[in-house]
Amino acid sequence: MQILVPTGTAFVAAAPPNPARGVLIETAPGVAGNAHAYVAADAGTFTFLVTPFTAKQIVLSATFAGIAPSNTPPIVITAGLFTQFVIQPAPAPHSNVPFNVVVTSRDAFNNVRRDFLGQVNLQLDPGTGVFAAVPAPAGQHSFRVADAGSHTFVLQTAANGAGFRIAASDGNVQSNSAPFNVLP
């Protein structure tokens, strides 16, 4: 018997790195695999360990030579606990010109936490290594259900140069953007 995951979903063949993607199928804890040869001791049943890492809908399919596949009903996998923000400034922003910064709440496996609710405050590091609060209202947003875990802030800075970073915090979790440049 073999357990298959849906088309477009990666089967993770070995212990996955963090953050993992797709679905890990094991025949025993720590033993990746999606095939099992039945023995008398199985008494007709065998349990695969299925660990999804990607928030999506999946259908598991059991197959055996010469027998039509048997599928589970659709299983909805939701994101795990909120652990981080992903902060994406617009590419190549210019000083004194408003630019977008998308802040998205994510779990440890980088799935979007669509139900994240909380006030997020931004800070800006203009390449000096020192963060300063971005004043309200531009630097604050209270996430609502309609945001679905992501909000676009509109920022502007008079400074330009290399190594700018943006920090987002809800008071418990703080994440920083990758360094970026602000053009004159």
N, C-alpha and C. Protein backbone atom coordinates (compact mmCIF):
# COMPACT_ATOMS: atom_id res chain seq x y z
N MET A 1 0.84 -1.17 0.00
CA MET A 1 0.00 0.00 0.00
C MET A 1 0.88 1.23 0.00
N GLN A 2 0.42 2.27 -0.63
CA GLN A 2 1.17 3.50 -0.73
C GLN A 2 0.23 4.66 -0.45
N ILE A 3 0.70 5.66 0.31
CA ILE A 3 -0.06 6.87 0.55
C ILE A 3 0.53 7.96 -0.33
N LEU A 4 -0.31 8.62 -1.09
CA LEU A 4 0.15 9.69 -1.97
C LEU A 4 -0.47 11.00 -1.53
N VAL A 5 0.24 12.09 -1.75
CA VAL A 5 -0.30 13.41 -1.48
C VAL A 5 -0.72 14.03 -2.80
N PRO A 6 -1.53 15.08 -2.77
CA PRO A 6 -2.07 15.64 -4.00
C PRO A 6 -0.99 16.24 -4.90
N THR A 7 -1.33 16.33 -6.18
CA THR A 7 -0.45 16.95 -7.15
C THR A 7 -0.14 18.38 -6.72
N GLY A 8 1.09 18.79 -6.85
CA GLY A 8 1.48 20.14 -6.47
C GLY A 8 1.92 20.25 -5.03
N THR A 9 1.79 19.18 -4.25
CA THR A 9 2.26 19.19 -2.87
C THR A 9 3.51 18.35 -2.80
N ALA A 10 4.54 18.90 -2.22
CA ALA A 10 5.81 18.18 -2.16
C ALA A 10 5.74 17.08 -1.11
N PHE A 11 6.25 15.91 -1.44
CA PHE A 11 6.43 14.84 -0.46
C PHE A 11 7.84 15.00 0.06
N VAL A 12 7.97 15.18 1.35
CA VAL A 12 9.27 15.37 1.97
C VAL A 12 9.85 13.99 2.28
N ALA A 13 10.93 13.62 1.60
CA ALA A 13 11.45 12.26 1.71
C ALA A 13 12.34 12.02 2.92
N ALA A 14 12.85 13.05 3.52
CA ALA A 14 13.73 12.88 4.67
C ALA A 14 13.32 13.88 5.74
N ALA A 15 13.96 13.83 6.86
CA ALA A 15 13.64 14.78 7.92
C ALA A 15 13.78 16.19 7.35
N PRO A 16 12.70 16.97 7.39
CA PRO A 16 12.70 18.26 6.72
C PRO A 16 13.46 19.33 7.50
N PRO A 17 14.09 20.25 6.78
CA PRO A 17 14.68 21.39 7.46
C PRO A 17 13.58 22.33 7.92
N ASN A 18 13.88 23.22 8.82
CA ASN A 18 12.87 24.17 9.26
C ASN A 18 13.15 25.49 8.55
N PRO A 19 12.26 26.16 7.87
CA PRO A 19 10.88 25.76 7.76
C PRO A 19 10.66 24.78 6.62
N ALA A 20 9.96 23.71 6.90
CA ALA A 20 9.66 22.69 5.91
C ALA A 20 8.48 23.12 5.05
N ARG A 21 8.35 22.53 3.90
CA ARG A 21 7.22 22.77 3.00
C ARG A 21 6.63 21.42 2.66
N GLY A 22 5.39 21.41 2.22
CA GLY A 22 4.76 20.19 1.76
C GLY A 22 4.27 19.31 2.90
N VAL A 23 4.37 18.00 2.71
CA VAL A 23 3.86 17.01 3.66
C VAL A 23 4.93 15.96 3.91
N LEU A 24 5.19 15.67 5.17
CA LEU A 24 6.12 14.60 5.54
C LEU A 24 5.28 13.37 5.86
N ILE A 25 5.57 12.25 5.20
CA ILE A 25 4.90 10.98 5.47
C ILE A 25 5.95 10.02 6.00
N GLU A 26 5.62 9.39 7.14
CA GLU A 26 6.56 8.46 7.78
C GLU A 26 5.86 7.13 8.04
N THR A 27 6.64 6.05 7.97
CA THR A 27 6.11 4.73 8.31
C THR A 27 6.31 4.44 9.80
N ALA A 28 7.20 5.19 10.43
CA ALA A 28 7.45 5.15 11.88
C ALA A 28 8.11 6.48 12.22
N PRO A 29 8.08 6.90 13.47
CA PRO A 29 8.71 8.18 13.81
C PRO A 29 10.17 8.22 13.35
N GLY A 30 10.49 9.24 12.52
CA GLY A 30 11.84 9.40 12.02
C GLY A 30 12.17 8.58 10.79
N VAL A 31 11.20 7.80 10.27
CA VAL A 31 11.43 6.95 9.09
C VAL A 31 10.53 7.43 7.96
N ALA A 32 11.08 8.32 7.11
CA ALA A 32 10.31 8.85 6.00
C ALA A 32 9.99 7.75 5.00
N GLY A 33 8.79 7.77 4.48
CA GLY A 33 8.37 6.80 3.46
C GLY A 33 6.86 6.80 3.33
N ASN A 34 6.40 6.44 2.13
CA ASN A 34 4.96 6.41 1.90
C ASN A 34 4.49 5.05 1.39
N ALA A 35 5.26 3.98 1.64
CA ALA A 35 4.89 2.64 1.21
C ALA A 35 5.04 1.66 2.38
N HIS A 36 4.13 0.69 2.46
CA HIS A 36 4.19 -0.31 3.52
C HIS A 36 3.74 -1.65 2.95
N ALA A 37 4.51 -2.69 3.16
CA ALA A 37 4.13 -4.04 2.78
C ALA A 37 3.48 -4.70 4.00
N TYR A 38 2.23 -5.06 3.87
CA TYR A 38 1.50 -5.63 4.99
C TYR A 38 2.07 -6.99 5.40
N VAL A 39 2.03 -7.24 6.71
CA VAL A 39 2.42 -8.53 7.28
C VAL A 39 1.26 -8.99 8.18
N ALA A 40 1.28 -10.25 8.57
CA ALA A 40 0.19 -10.80 9.39
C ALA A 40 -0.02 -10.01 10.67
N ALA A 41 1.07 -9.51 11.28
CA ALA A 41 0.96 -8.77 12.53
C ALA A 41 0.19 -7.46 12.37
N ASP A 42 0.05 -6.96 11.14
CA ASP A 42 -0.71 -5.73 10.91
C ASP A 42 -2.20 -5.93 11.11
N ALA A 43 -2.66 -7.16 11.02
CA ALA A 43 -4.10 -7.48 11.15
C ALA A 43 -4.94 -6.59 10.24
N GLY A 44 -4.42 -6.27 9.07
CA GLY A 44 -5.18 -5.51 8.08
C GLY A 44 -5.13 -4.00 8.23
N THR A 45 -4.43 -3.50 9.23
CA THR A 45 -4.34 -2.04 9.37
C THR A 45 -2.89 -1.60 9.56
N PHE A 46 -2.61 -0.39 9.11
CA PHE A 46 -1.31 0.21 9.32
C PHE A 46 -1.52 1.71 9.39
N THR A 47 -0.81 2.36 10.26
CA THR A 47 -0.95 3.81 10.44
C THR A 47 0.31 4.51 9.95
N PHE A 48 0.14 5.39 8.95
CA PHE A 48 1.22 6.26 8.50
C PHE A 48 1.17 7.52 9.35
N LEU A 49 2.31 8.11 9.59
CA LEU A 49 2.37 9.41 10.28
C LEU A 49 2.44 10.48 9.19
N VAL A 50 1.48 11.38 9.19
CA VAL A 50 1.39 12.41 8.16
C VAL A 50 1.53 13.77 8.85
N THR A 51 2.57 14.51 8.49
CA THR A 51 2.82 15.82 9.09
C THR A 51 2.79 16.88 7.99
N PRO A 52 1.72 17.69 7.93
CA PRO A 52 1.67 18.76 6.94
C PRO A 52 2.42 19.98 7.44
N PHE A 53 3.16 20.63 6.55
CA PHE A 53 3.88 21.85 6.89
C PHE A 53 3.32 23.07 6.17
N THR A 54 2.57 22.85 5.11
CA THR A 54 2.06 23.94 4.30
C THR A 54 0.55 24.05 4.50
N ALA A 55 0.09 25.26 4.83
CA ALA A 55 -1.34 25.49 5.01
C ALA A 55 -2.02 25.45 3.65
N LYS A 56 -2.87 24.46 3.46
CA LYS A 56 -3.60 24.30 2.21
C LYS A 56 -4.59 23.17 2.39
N GLN A 57 -5.33 22.85 1.38
CA GLN A 57 -6.24 21.70 1.41
C GLN A 57 -5.54 20.52 0.75
N ILE A 58 -5.57 19.35 1.41
CA ILE A 58 -4.94 18.17 0.84
C ILE A 58 -5.94 17.02 0.79
N VAL A 59 -5.68 16.06 -0.06
CA VAL A 59 -6.42 14.81 -0.13
C VAL A 59 -5.37 13.71 -0.15
N LEU A 60 -5.48 12.77 0.79
CA LEU A 60 -4.57 11.63 0.81
C LEU A 60 -5.19 10.50 0.00
N SER A 61 -4.37 9.78 -0.72
CA SER A 61 -4.85 8.72 -1.58
C SER A 61 -4.09 7.44 -1.26
N ALA A 62 -4.82 6.35 -0.99
CA ALA A 62 -4.20 5.05 -0.74
C ALA A 62 -4.36 4.21 -2.01
N THR A 63 -3.26 3.61 -2.47
CA THR A 63 -3.30 2.79 -3.68
C THR A 63 -2.69 1.43 -3.41
N PHE A 64 -3.15 0.46 -4.17
CA PHE A 64 -2.61 -0.90 -4.14
C PHE A 64 -2.77 -1.46 -5.54
N ALA A 65 -1.80 -2.21 -6.01
CA ALA A 65 -1.80 -2.73 -7.38
C ALA A 65 -3.13 -3.40 -7.72
N GLY A 66 -3.74 -2.95 -8.81
CA GLY A 66 -4.95 -3.57 -9.31
C GLY A 66 -6.23 -3.15 -8.59
N ILE A 67 -6.15 -2.31 -7.59
CA ILE A 67 -7.34 -1.86 -6.87
C ILE A 67 -7.45 -0.35 -7.05
N ALA A 68 -8.69 0.13 -7.23
CA ALA A 68 -8.90 1.56 -7.42
C ALA A 68 -8.43 2.32 -6.18
N PRO A 69 -7.85 3.50 -6.35
CA PRO A 69 -7.39 4.28 -5.20
C PRO A 69 -8.54 4.67 -4.28
N SER A 70 -8.22 4.82 -3.04
CA SER A 70 -9.18 5.28 -2.04
C SER A 70 -8.68 6.62 -1.52
N ASN A 71 -9.53 7.64 -1.57
CA ASN A 71 -9.14 8.99 -1.19
C ASN A 71 -9.84 9.44 0.08
N THR A 72 -9.15 10.24 0.86
CA THR A 72 -9.79 10.88 2.01
C THR A 72 -10.63 12.04 1.50
N PRO A 73 -11.60 12.48 2.29
CA PRO A 73 -12.24 13.75 1.94
C PRO A 73 -11.18 14.86 2.04
N PRO A 74 -11.43 16.01 1.45
CA PRO A 74 -10.47 17.10 1.57
C PRO A 74 -10.19 17.44 3.04
N ILE A 75 -8.90 17.60 3.35
CA ILE A 75 -8.47 17.96 4.70
C ILE A 75 -7.89 19.36 4.63
N VAL A 76 -8.46 20.28 5.40
CA VAL A 76 -7.99 21.66 5.39
C VAL A 76 -6.91 21.81 6.47
N ILE A 77 -5.71 22.17 6.03
CA ILE A 77 -4.59 22.40 6.94
C ILE A 77 -4.47 23.91 7.13
N THR A 78 -4.55 24.35 8.37
CA THR A 78 -4.44 25.78 8.65
C THR A 78 -3.04 26.09 9.19
N ALA A 79 -2.70 27.36 9.18
CA ALA A 79 -1.39 27.79 9.67
C ALA A 79 -1.27 27.50 11.16
N GLY A 80 -0.05 27.33 11.62
CA GLY A 80 0.23 27.10 13.03
C GLY A 80 0.22 28.40 13.81
N LEU A 81 0.78 28.39 14.99
CA LEU A 81 0.82 29.55 15.85
C LEU A 81 1.64 30.68 15.23
N PHE A 82 1.19 31.89 15.44
CA PHE A 82 1.90 33.07 14.95
C PHE A 82 3.27 33.16 15.61
N THR A 83 4.33 33.30 14.80
CA THR A 83 5.69 33.39 15.36
C THR A 83 6.51 34.53 14.78
N GLN A 84 6.07 35.14 13.66
CA GLN A 84 6.93 36.12 13.00
C GLN A 84 6.14 37.01 12.05
N PHE A 85 6.75 38.14 11.74
CA PHE A 85 6.26 39.01 10.67
C PHE A 85 7.24 38.89 9.52
N VAL A 86 6.71 38.94 8.32
CA VAL A 86 7.55 39.07 7.14
C VAL A 86 7.32 40.48 6.64
N ILE A 87 8.39 41.23 6.47
CA ILE A 87 8.31 42.65 6.13
C ILE A 87 8.95 42.84 4.76
N GLN A 88 8.16 43.36 3.81
CA GLN A 88 8.64 43.51 2.44
C GLN A 88 8.48 44.95 1.98
N PRO A 89 9.57 45.73 2.05
CA PRO A 89 9.50 47.09 1.51
C PRO A 89 9.44 47.05 -0.02
N ALA A 90 8.86 48.08 -0.60
CA ALA A 90 8.83 48.17 -2.06
C ALA A 90 10.25 48.18 -2.59
N PRO A 91 10.49 47.61 -3.76
CA PRO A 91 11.84 47.61 -4.32
C PRO A 91 12.25 49.03 -4.73
N ALA A 92 13.49 49.38 -4.41
CA ALA A 92 14.11 50.65 -4.81
C ALA A 92 13.29 51.89 -4.46
N PRO A 93 12.94 52.07 -3.17
CA PRO A 93 12.22 53.30 -2.82
C PRO A 93 13.15 54.52 -2.91
N HIS A 94 12.55 55.68 -3.07
CA HIS A 94 13.30 56.93 -3.16
C HIS A 94 12.99 57.79 -1.93
N SER A 95 13.96 58.59 -1.50
CA SER A 95 13.73 59.51 -0.39
C SER A 95 12.68 60.54 -0.79
N ASN A 96 11.89 60.97 0.20
CA ASN A 96 10.83 61.96 0.03
C ASN A 96 9.71 61.52 -0.92
N VAL A 97 9.63 60.23 -1.19
CA VAL A 97 8.55 59.68 -2.02
C VAL A 97 7.90 58.53 -1.22
N PRO A 98 6.56 58.57 -1.04
CA PRO A 98 5.91 57.48 -0.30
C PRO A 98 6.17 56.12 -0.97
N PHE A 99 6.40 55.10 -0.12
CA PHE A 99 6.60 53.75 -0.64
C PHE A 99 5.86 52.75 0.25
N ASN A 100 5.47 51.64 -0.35
CA ASN A 100 4.71 50.60 0.36
C ASN A 100 5.63 49.67 1.12
N VAL A 101 5.14 49.23 2.28
CA VAL A 101 5.80 48.21 3.08
C VAL A 101 4.72 47.22 3.48
N VAL A 102 4.81 45.98 2.99
CA VAL A 102 3.82 44.95 3.30
C VAL A 102 4.31 44.16 4.51
N VAL A 103 3.47 44.08 5.55
CA VAL A 103 3.77 43.31 6.75
C VAL A 103 2.76 42.18 6.82
N THR A 104 3.27 40.94 6.90
CA THR A 104 2.42 39.75 6.91
C THR A 104 2.74 38.90 8.13
N SER A 105 1.72 38.46 8.84
CA SER A 105 1.91 37.58 9.99
C SER A 105 2.05 36.14 9.49
N ARG A 106 3.03 35.41 10.04
CA ARG A 106 3.33 34.05 9.57
C ARG A 106 3.56 33.11 10.74
N ASP A 107 3.44 31.81 10.46
CA ASP A 107 3.79 30.80 11.46
C ASP A 107 5.24 30.37 11.24
N ALA A 108 5.71 29.41 12.01
CA ALA A 108 7.10 28.97 11.93
C ALA A 108 7.46 28.36 10.58
N PHE A 109 6.46 27.92 9.82
CA PHE A 109 6.71 27.30 8.52
C PHE A 109 6.41 28.27 7.38
N ASN A 110 6.26 29.56 7.72
CA ASN A 110 6.04 30.64 6.76
C ASN A 110 4.65 30.66 6.15
N ASN A 111 3.69 29.96 6.76
CA ASN A 111 2.30 30.05 6.32
C ASN A 111 1.69 31.33 6.87
N VAL A 112 0.84 31.99 6.08
CA VAL A 112 0.19 33.22 6.53
C VAL A 112 -0.83 32.91 7.62
N ARG A 113 -0.76 33.64 8.73
CA ARG A 113 -1.76 33.56 9.81
C ARG A 113 -2.87 34.54 9.47
N ARG A 114 -3.85 34.08 8.72
CA ARG A 114 -4.92 34.94 8.21
C ARG A 114 -5.82 35.49 9.32
N ASP A 115 -5.78 34.87 10.50
CA ASP A 115 -6.63 35.32 11.60
C ASP A 115 -5.87 36.18 12.62
N PHE A 116 -4.69 36.66 12.25
CA PHE A 116 -3.91 37.49 13.17
C PHE A 116 -4.66 38.79 13.44
N LEU A 117 -4.82 39.10 14.73
CA LEU A 117 -5.42 40.35 15.17
C LEU A 117 -4.48 40.97 16.20
N GLY A 118 -4.13 42.20 16.04
CA GLY A 118 -3.26 42.87 16.99
C GLY A 118 -2.76 44.16 16.40
N GLN A 119 -2.30 45.04 17.25
CA GLN A 119 -1.73 46.30 16.77
C GLN A 119 -0.26 46.10 16.46
N VAL A 120 0.13 46.52 15.28
CA VAL A 120 1.52 46.42 14.85
C VAL A 120 2.09 47.82 14.73
N ASN A 121 3.26 48.01 15.32
CA ASN A 121 3.98 49.28 15.25
C ASN A 121 5.28 49.07 14.48
N LEU A 122 5.61 50.04 13.65
CA LEU A 122 6.82 49.96 12.85
C LEU A 122 7.90 50.87 13.41
N GLN A 123 9.15 50.45 13.20
CA GLN A 123 10.32 51.26 13.50
C GLN A 123 11.22 51.24 12.27
N LEU A 124 11.98 52.30 12.08
CA LEU A 124 12.84 52.43 10.92
C LEU A 124 14.28 52.63 11.37
N ASP A 125 15.19 51.87 10.78
CA ASP A 125 16.64 52.03 10.98
C ASP A 125 17.18 52.57 9.66
N PRO A 126 17.66 53.82 9.63
CA PRO A 126 18.15 54.40 8.38
C PRO A 126 19.58 53.99 8.03
N GLY A 127 19.97 52.79 8.43
CA GLY A 127 21.31 52.31 8.09
C GLY A 127 22.34 52.60 9.16
N THR A 128 21.89 53.11 10.32
CA THR A 128 22.82 53.45 11.40
C THR A 128 22.88 52.36 12.47
N GLY A 129 21.96 51.40 12.41
CA GLY A 129 21.88 50.37 13.43
C GLY A 129 20.97 50.75 14.59
N VAL A 130 20.36 51.93 14.52
CA VAL A 130 19.48 52.40 15.58
C VAL A 130 18.07 52.57 15.00
N PHE A 131 17.10 51.87 15.61
CA PHE A 131 15.71 51.96 15.18
C PHE A 131 15.01 53.13 15.88
N ALA A 132 14.14 53.82 15.16
CA ALA A 132 13.30 54.87 15.72
C ALA A 132 11.86 54.60 15.31
N ALA A 133 10.92 54.87 16.20
CA ALA A 133 9.51 54.63 15.92
C ALA A 133 9.05 55.43 14.71
N VAL A 134 8.23 54.80 13.87
CA VAL A 134 7.58 55.51 12.77
C VAL A 134 6.29 56.08 13.37
N PRO A 135 6.11 57.41 13.33
CA PRO A 135 4.96 58.02 13.99
C PRO A 135 3.63 57.52 13.45
N ALA A 136 2.60 57.56 14.31
CA ALA A 136 1.24 57.23 13.89
C ALA A 136 0.75 58.37 12.99
N PRO A 137 -0.12 58.14 12.09
CA PRO A 137 -0.77 56.87 11.83
C PRO A 137 0.00 55.97 10.87
N ALA A 138 1.02 56.51 10.16
CA ALA A 138 1.73 55.73 9.14
C ALA A 138 2.38 54.48 9.72
N GLY A 139 2.87 54.54 10.96
CA GLY A 139 3.62 53.43 11.54
C GLY A 139 2.84 52.53 12.45
N GLN A 140 1.51 52.68 12.49
CA GLN A 140 0.68 51.82 13.35
C GLN A 140 -0.52 51.31 12.58
N HIS A 141 -0.89 50.07 12.88
CA HIS A 141 -2.11 49.51 12.30
C HIS A 141 -2.64 48.42 13.22
N SER A 142 -3.93 48.46 13.48
CA SER A 142 -4.60 47.38 14.22
C SER A 142 -5.17 46.41 13.20
N PHE A 143 -4.59 45.22 13.14
CA PHE A 143 -5.05 44.21 12.18
C PHE A 143 -6.48 43.82 12.48
N ARG A 144 -7.26 43.66 11.43
CA ARG A 144 -8.66 43.23 11.51
C ARG A 144 -8.82 41.94 10.72
N VAL A 145 -9.96 41.30 10.88
CA VAL A 145 -10.25 40.06 10.14
C VAL A 145 -10.11 40.30 8.65
N ALA A 146 -10.58 41.45 8.16
CA ALA A 146 -10.54 41.75 6.73
C ALA A 146 -9.11 41.83 6.18
N ASP A 147 -8.11 42.07 7.05
CA ASP A 147 -6.72 42.14 6.59
C ASP A 147 -6.18 40.78 6.16
N ALA A 148 -6.78 39.70 6.66
CA ALA A 148 -6.35 38.33 6.35
C ALA A 148 -4.86 38.13 6.61
N GLY A 149 -4.34 38.77 7.68
CA GLY A 149 -2.96 38.56 8.10
C GLY A 149 -1.92 39.42 7.41
N SER A 150 -2.34 40.35 6.54
CA SER A 150 -1.38 41.16 5.81
C SER A 150 -1.90 42.59 5.68
N HIS A 151 -0.99 43.55 5.84
CA HIS A 151 -1.37 44.96 5.70
C HIS A 151 -0.25 45.70 4.99
N THR A 152 -0.64 46.66 4.14
CA THR A 152 0.32 47.50 3.44
C THR A 152 0.38 48.86 4.12
N PHE A 153 1.53 49.15 4.69
CA PHE A 153 1.81 50.46 5.28
C PHE A 153 2.37 51.35 4.17
N VAL A 154 2.17 52.66 4.28
CA VAL A 154 2.77 53.60 3.34
C VAL A 154 3.70 54.50 4.16
N LEU A 155 5.00 54.41 3.88
CA LEU A 155 6.02 55.16 4.61
C LEU A 155 6.72 56.14 3.69
N GLN A 156 7.42 57.08 4.31
CA GLN A 156 8.23 58.04 3.57
C GLN A 156 9.39 58.44 4.47
N THR A 157 10.56 58.61 3.89
CA THR A 157 11.73 59.05 4.64
C THR A 157 12.48 60.10 3.84
N ALA A 158 13.02 61.08 4.55
CA ALA A 158 13.84 62.10 3.90
C ALA A 158 15.26 61.61 3.67
N ALA A 159 15.66 60.60 4.42
CA ALA A 159 17.03 60.08 4.32
C ALA A 159 17.16 59.16 3.11
N ASN A 160 18.40 58.95 2.69
CA ASN A 160 18.68 57.95 1.65
C ASN A 160 20.01 57.30 1.98
N GLY A 161 20.26 56.17 1.34
CA GLY A 161 21.50 55.45 1.57
C GLY A 161 21.26 53.95 1.64
N ALA A 162 22.27 53.23 2.12
CA ALA A 162 22.23 51.76 2.17
C ALA A 162 21.95 51.28 3.59
N GLY A 163 21.46 50.05 3.68
CA GLY A 163 21.32 49.38 4.97
C GLY A 163 20.09 49.74 5.77
N PHE A 164 19.08 50.33 5.16
CA PHE A 164 17.84 50.61 5.87
C PHE A 164 17.19 49.29 6.29
N ARG A 165 16.52 49.29 7.43
CA ARG A 165 15.73 48.13 7.88
C ARG A 165 14.46 48.65 8.52
N ILE A 166 13.42 47.82 8.47
CA ILE A 166 12.15 48.13 9.13
C ILE A 166 11.87 47.01 10.11
N ALA A 167 11.47 47.37 11.33
CA ALA A 167 11.07 46.40 12.35
C ALA A 167 9.56 46.52 12.54
N ALA A 168 8.89 45.38 12.69
CA ALA A 168 7.46 45.33 13.00
C ALA A 168 7.30 44.59 14.31
N SER A 169 6.46 45.12 15.20
CA SER A 169 6.25 44.49 16.51
C SER A 169 4.79 44.62 16.92
N ASP A 170 4.29 43.56 17.56
CA ASP A 170 2.96 43.63 18.16
C ASP A 170 3.06 43.72 19.68
N GLY A 171 4.25 43.95 20.20
CA GLY A 171 4.49 44.01 21.63
C GLY A 171 5.01 42.71 22.20
N ASN A 172 4.82 41.61 21.48
CA ASN A 172 5.32 40.29 21.88
C ASN A 172 6.36 39.75 20.92
N VAL A 173 6.12 39.94 19.64
CA VAL A 173 7.01 39.42 18.60
C VAL A 173 7.52 40.61 17.79
N GLN A 174 8.82 40.64 17.55
CA GLN A 174 9.39 41.66 16.68
C GLN A 174 10.19 40.96 15.59
N SER A 175 10.00 41.43 14.37
CA SER A 175 10.75 40.91 13.22
C SER A 175 11.32 42.09 12.46
N ASN A 176 12.47 41.86 11.81
CA ASN A 176 13.12 42.91 11.02
C ASN A 176 13.14 42.53 9.55
N SER A 177 13.05 43.55 8.70
CA SER A 177 13.18 43.32 7.26
C SER A 177 14.64 43.06 6.94
N ALA A 178 14.87 42.55 5.76
CA ALA A 178 16.23 42.47 5.24
C ALA A 178 16.68 43.90 4.94
N PRO A 179 17.99 44.17 4.98
CA PRO A 179 18.45 45.51 4.64
C PRO A 179 18.07 45.88 3.19
N PHE A 180 17.77 47.17 2.99
CA PHE A 180 17.44 47.64 1.65
C PHE A 180 18.00 49.05 1.50
N ASN A 181 18.06 49.52 0.26
CA ASN A 181 18.60 50.85 -0.03
C ASN A 181 17.47 51.81 -0.35
N VAL A 182 17.63 53.06 0.07
CA VAL A 182 16.71 54.14 -0.31
C VAL A 182 17.50 55.06 -1.23
N LEU A 183 16.98 55.23 -2.42
CA LEU A 183 17.66 56.03 -3.44
C LEU A 183 17.35 57.52 -3.25
N PRO A 184 18.25 58.40 -3.72
CA PRO A 184 18.00 59.85 -3.59
C PRO A 184 16.78 60.29 -4.39
